[in-house]
Amino acid sequence: MDSSTLADLVLLLRQYGPLILVVAFFLWQGWVREGRLNKRITDLEDEQRNVLMPLVERCADVIAQNTMMMERLEKALDRN
């Protein structure tokens, strides 16, 4: 790197340094926010898989049992 290139770099940093810092800060902030959002979404998906899916399966079983019982009751009432 020669002295003119170094001087140009120093001039650019003086002129655009604060702007570069602001842009870098907002990029970092967005990256951190995306990481937190990704963790939150993963936690919610895990909860859905581990808690809600077995509950839905159990409810489906109960509904099927209730439907069978209602059919049996309907047949019994039709016979009488």
C-alpha atoms as a PDB file:
ATOM      1  CA  MET A   1       0.000   0.000   0.000  1.00  0.00           C
ATOM      2  CA  ASP A   2       1.560   3.275  -1.013  1.00  0.00           C
ATOM      3  CA  SER A   3       1.183   6.601   0.761  1.00  0.00           C
ATOM      4  CA  SER A   4      -1.399   8.032  -1.683  1.00  0.00           C
ATOM      5  CA  THR A   5      -3.678   5.025  -1.181  1.00  0.00           C
ATOM      6  CA  LEU A   6      -3.322   5.324   2.573  1.00  0.00           C
ATOM      7  CA  ALA A   7      -4.057   9.040   2.380  1.00  0.00           C
ATOM      8  CA  ASP A   8      -7.154   8.340   0.265  1.00  0.00           C
ATOM      9  CA  LEU A   9      -8.323   5.767   2.805  1.00  0.00           C
ATOM     10  CA  VAL A  10      -7.847   8.210   5.685  1.00  0.00           C
ATOM     11  CA  LEU A  11      -9.756  10.864   3.735  1.00  0.00           C
ATOM     12  CA  LEU A  12     -12.622   8.458   3.090  1.00  0.00           C
ATOM     13  CA  LEU A  13     -12.745   7.454   6.751  1.00  0.00           C
ATOM     14  CA  ARG A  14     -12.840  11.088   7.816  1.00  0.00           C
ATOM     15  CA  GLN A  15     -15.609  11.838   5.369  1.00  0.00           C
ATOM     16  CA  TYR A  16     -17.737   8.698   5.725  1.00  0.00           C
ATOM     17  CA  GLY A  17     -16.558   7.181   9.019  1.00  0.00           C
ATOM     18  CA  PRO A  18     -19.597   8.127  11.117  1.00  0.00           C
ATOM     19  CA  LEU A  19     -21.944   6.945   8.366  1.00  0.00           C
ATOM     20  CA  ILE A  20     -20.103   3.624   8.129  1.00  0.00           C
ATOM     21  CA  LEU A  21     -20.384   3.208  11.906  1.00  0.00           C
ATOM     22  CA  VAL A  22     -24.130   3.913  11.853  1.00  0.00           C
ATOM     23  CA  VAL A  23     -24.711   1.448   9.016  1.00  0.00           C
ATOM     24  CA  ALA A  24     -22.579  -1.183  10.761  1.00  0.00           C
ATOM     25  CA  PHE A  25     -24.509  -0.642  14.005  1.00  0.00           C
ATOM     26  CA  PHE A  26     -27.885  -1.114  12.325  1.00  0.00           C
ATOM     27  CA  LEU A  27     -26.663  -4.198  10.481  1.00  0.00           C
ATOM     28  CA  TRP A  28     -25.431  -5.680  13.767  1.00  0.00           C
ATOM     29  CA  GLN A  29     -28.674  -4.753  15.537  1.00  0.00           C
ATOM     30  CA  GLY A  30     -30.747  -6.407  12.790  1.00  0.00           C
ATOM     31  CA  TRP A  31     -28.580  -9.520  12.941  1.00  0.00           C
ATOM     32  CA  VAL A  32     -29.056  -9.803  16.720  1.00  0.00           C
ATOM     33  CA  ARG A  33     -32.819  -9.225  16.389  1.00  0.00           C
ATOM     34  CA  GLU A  34     -33.080 -11.919  13.720  1.00  0.00           C
ATOM     35  CA  GLY A  35     -31.242 -14.335  16.003  1.00  0.00           C
ATOM     36  CA  ARG A  36     -33.681 -13.668  18.850  1.00  0.00           C
ATOM     37  CA  LEU A  37     -36.656 -14.016  16.498  1.00  0.00           C
ATOM     38  CA  ASN A  38     -35.303 -17.294  15.154  1.00  0.00           C
ATOM     39  CA  LYS A  39     -34.981 -18.649  18.707  1.00  0.00           C
ATOM     40  CA  ARG A  40     -38.515 -17.538  19.580  1.00  0.00           C
ATOM     41  CA  ILE A  41     -39.950 -19.198  16.464  1.00  0.00           C
ATOM     42  CA  THR A  42     -38.017 -22.399  17.176  1.00  0.00           C
ATOM     43  CA  ASP A  43     -39.305 -22.453  20.769  1.00  0.00           C
ATOM     44  CA  LEU A  44     -42.902 -21.964  19.588  1.00  0.00           C
ATOM     45  CA  GLU A  45     -42.560 -24.711  16.998  1.00  0.00           C
ATOM     46  CA  ASP A  46     -41.118 -27.061  19.616  1.00  0.00           C
ATOM     47  CA  GLU A  47     -44.019 -26.280  21.952  1.00  0.00           C
ATOM     48  CA  GLN A  48     -46.480 -26.985  19.164  1.00  0.00           C
ATOM     49  CA  ARG A  49     -44.808 -30.286  18.368  1.00  0.00           C
ATOM     50  CA  ASN A  50     -44.408 -31.422  21.987  1.00  0.00           C
ATOM     51  CA  VAL A  51     -47.565 -30.077  23.630  1.00  0.00           C
ATOM     52  CA  LEU A  52     -50.235 -29.251  21.123  1.00  0.00           C
ATOM     53  CA  MET A  53     -49.866 -32.175  18.719  1.00  0.00           C
ATOM     54  CA  PRO A  54     -50.442 -34.875  21.381  1.00  0.00           C
ATOM     55  CA  LEU A  55     -53.392 -32.834  22.642  1.00  0.00           C
ATOM     56  CA  VAL A  56     -54.877 -32.647  19.149  1.00  0.00           C
ATOM     57  CA  GLU A  57     -54.354 -36.376  18.681  1.00  0.00           C
ATOM     58  CA  ARG A  58     -56.086 -37.096  21.984  1.00  0.00           C
ATOM     59  CA  CYS A  59     -58.991 -34.815  21.058  1.00  0.00           C
ATOM     60  CA  ALA A  60     -59.335 -36.598  17.714  1.00  0.00           C
ATOM     61  CA  ASP A  61     -59.492 -39.953  19.541  1.00  0.00           C
ATOM     62  CA  VAL A  62     -62.167 -38.650  21.921  1.00  0.00           C
ATOM     63  CA  ILE A  63     -64.211 -37.261  19.033  1.00  0.00           C
ATOM     64  CA  ALA A  64     -63.967 -40.614  17.234  1.00  0.00           C
ATOM     65  CA  GLN A  65     -65.103 -42.439  20.390  1.00  0.00           C
ATOM     66  CA  ASN A  66     -67.994 -40.011  20.865  1.00  0.00           C
ATOM     67  CA  THR A  67     -69.029 -40.470  17.243  1.00  0.00           C
ATOM     68  CA  MET A  68     -69.042 -44.255  17.641  1.00  0.00           C
ATOM     69  CA  MET A  69     -71.109 -43.971  20.821  1.00  0.00           C
ATOM     70  CA  MET A  70     -73.604 -41.632  19.139  1.00  0.00           C
ATOM     71  CA  GLU A  71     -73.973 -44.095  16.261  1.00  0.00           C
ATOM     72  CA  ARG A  72     -74.609 -46.951  18.710  1.00  0.00           C
ATOM     73  CA  LEU A  73     -77.174 -44.854  20.580  1.00  0.00           C
ATOM     74  CA  GLU A  74     -78.878 -43.889  17.325  1.00  0.00           C
ATOM     75  CA  LYS A  75     -79.122 -47.549  16.259  1.00  0.00           C
ATOM     76  CA  ALA A  76     -80.461 -48.514  19.702  1.00  0.00           C
ATOM     77  CA  LEU A  77     -83.102 -45.785  19.558  1.00  0.00           C
ATOM     78  CA  ASP A  78     -84.108 -46.810  16.019  1.00  0.00           C
ATOM     79  CA  ARG A  79     -84.702 -50.384  17.212  1.00  0.00           C
ATOM     80  CA  ASN A  80     -87.074 -49.250  19.967  1.00  0.00           C
END
